[in-house]
Amino acid sequence: MEAIDQLLTQREEMLAQIRDNLLKAQHRMVQIANRKCSDRQFNLGDLVYLKLQPYRQKSMAHRSSQKLASKFYGP
């Protein structure tokens, strides 16, 4: 019985350590992703450029070559 209890406690400790490592990794990934983001607010009437995906850009401007099409759609 003691061997089973010891194995179960070791298993629980390992699972707790794995959960802790996963939380640390998730936190680190969030921090790295947030470094590149900036909170921007626009007012009504501001002129801005939109970055469009190639499949969306087809409806905005017709191009013969998508590779050479501009990446931003703006005022």
Protein backbone atom coordinates (compact mmCIF):
# COMPACT_ATOMS: atom_id res chain seq x y z
CA MET A 1 0.00 0.00 0.00
CA GLU A 2 2.80 2.41 0.80
CA ALA A 3 4.37 1.91 -2.60
CA ILE A 4 1.08 2.79 -4.31
CA ASP A 5 0.64 5.87 -2.13
CA GLN A 6 4.18 6.97 -2.90
CA LEU A 7 3.65 6.49 -6.64
CA LEU A 8 0.42 8.48 -6.51
CA THR A 9 2.03 11.35 -4.63
CA GLN A 10 4.94 11.40 -7.09
CA ARG A 11 2.47 11.42 -9.96
CA GLU A 12 0.54 14.32 -8.42
CA GLU A 13 3.79 16.26 -7.88
CA MET A 14 4.82 15.66 -11.49
CA LEU A 15 1.41 16.79 -12.77
CA ALA A 16 1.58 19.92 -10.63
CA GLN A 17 5.04 20.71 -11.98
CA ILE A 18 3.85 20.13 -15.56
CA ARG A 19 0.88 22.45 -15.00
CA ASP A 20 3.20 25.08 -13.53
CA ASN A 21 5.57 24.82 -16.49
CA LEU A 22 2.66 25.13 -18.93
CA LEU A 23 1.35 28.24 -17.17
CA LYS A 24 4.84 29.80 -17.23
CA ALA A 25 5.17 29.03 -20.94
CA GLN A 26 1.73 30.49 -21.69
CA HIS A 27 2.56 33.63 -19.71
CA ARG A 28 5.86 34.01 -21.54
CA MET A 29 4.14 33.59 -24.93
CA VAL A 30 1.54 36.23 -24.02
CA GLN A 31 4.25 38.67 -22.96
CA ILE A 32 6.18 38.17 -26.21
CA ALA A 33 3.01 38.60 -28.29
CA ASN A 34 2.01 41.75 -26.40
CA ARG A 35 5.39 43.40 -27.02
CA LYS A 36 4.50 43.81 -30.68
CA CYS A 37 0.97 45.08 -30.06
CA SER A 38 0.07 48.67 -29.36
CA ASP A 39 -3.28 50.00 -28.26
CA ARG A 40 -4.46 52.54 -30.81
CA GLN A 41 -7.65 54.48 -30.81
CA PHE A 42 -9.07 56.29 -33.80
CA ASN A 43 -11.61 59.05 -33.92
CA LEU A 44 -14.42 59.38 -36.39
CA GLY A 45 -13.07 60.93 -39.56
CA ASP A 46 -9.42 59.82 -39.12
CA LEU A 47 -7.74 58.61 -42.28
CA VAL A 48 -6.25 55.15 -41.81
CA TYR A 49 -4.79 52.38 -43.94
CA LEU A 50 -6.21 48.87 -43.69
CA LYS A 51 -4.09 45.78 -44.18
CA LEU A 52 -6.13 43.33 -46.19
CA GLN A 53 -5.79 39.64 -46.74
CA PRO A 54 -5.24 38.66 -50.40
CA TYR A 55 -8.61 36.92 -50.71
CA ARG A 56 -10.38 40.00 -49.32
CA GLN A 57 -8.44 42.40 -51.48
CA LYS A 58 -10.01 40.97 -54.64
CA SER A 59 -13.31 42.60 -53.76
CA MET A 60 -11.67 45.99 -53.08
CA ALA A 61 -9.42 46.38 -56.13
CA HIS A 62 -9.08 44.10 -59.10
CA ARG A 63 -5.48 43.25 -59.95
CA SER A 64 -4.10 40.99 -62.63
CA SER A 65 -1.38 39.75 -60.26
CA GLN A 66 -2.06 39.32 -56.56
CA LYS A 67 1.64 39.01 -55.85
CA LEU A 68 2.27 42.58 -57.02
CA ALA A 69 -0.85 44.05 -55.42
CA SER A 70 -0.41 46.53 -52.60
CA LYS A 71 -0.82 45.18 -49.08
CA PHE A 72 -2.67 48.18 -47.68
CA TYR A 73 -5.94 49.77 -48.74
CA GLY A 74 -6.26 53.37 -47.70
CA PRO A 75 -7.87 56.75 -48.18
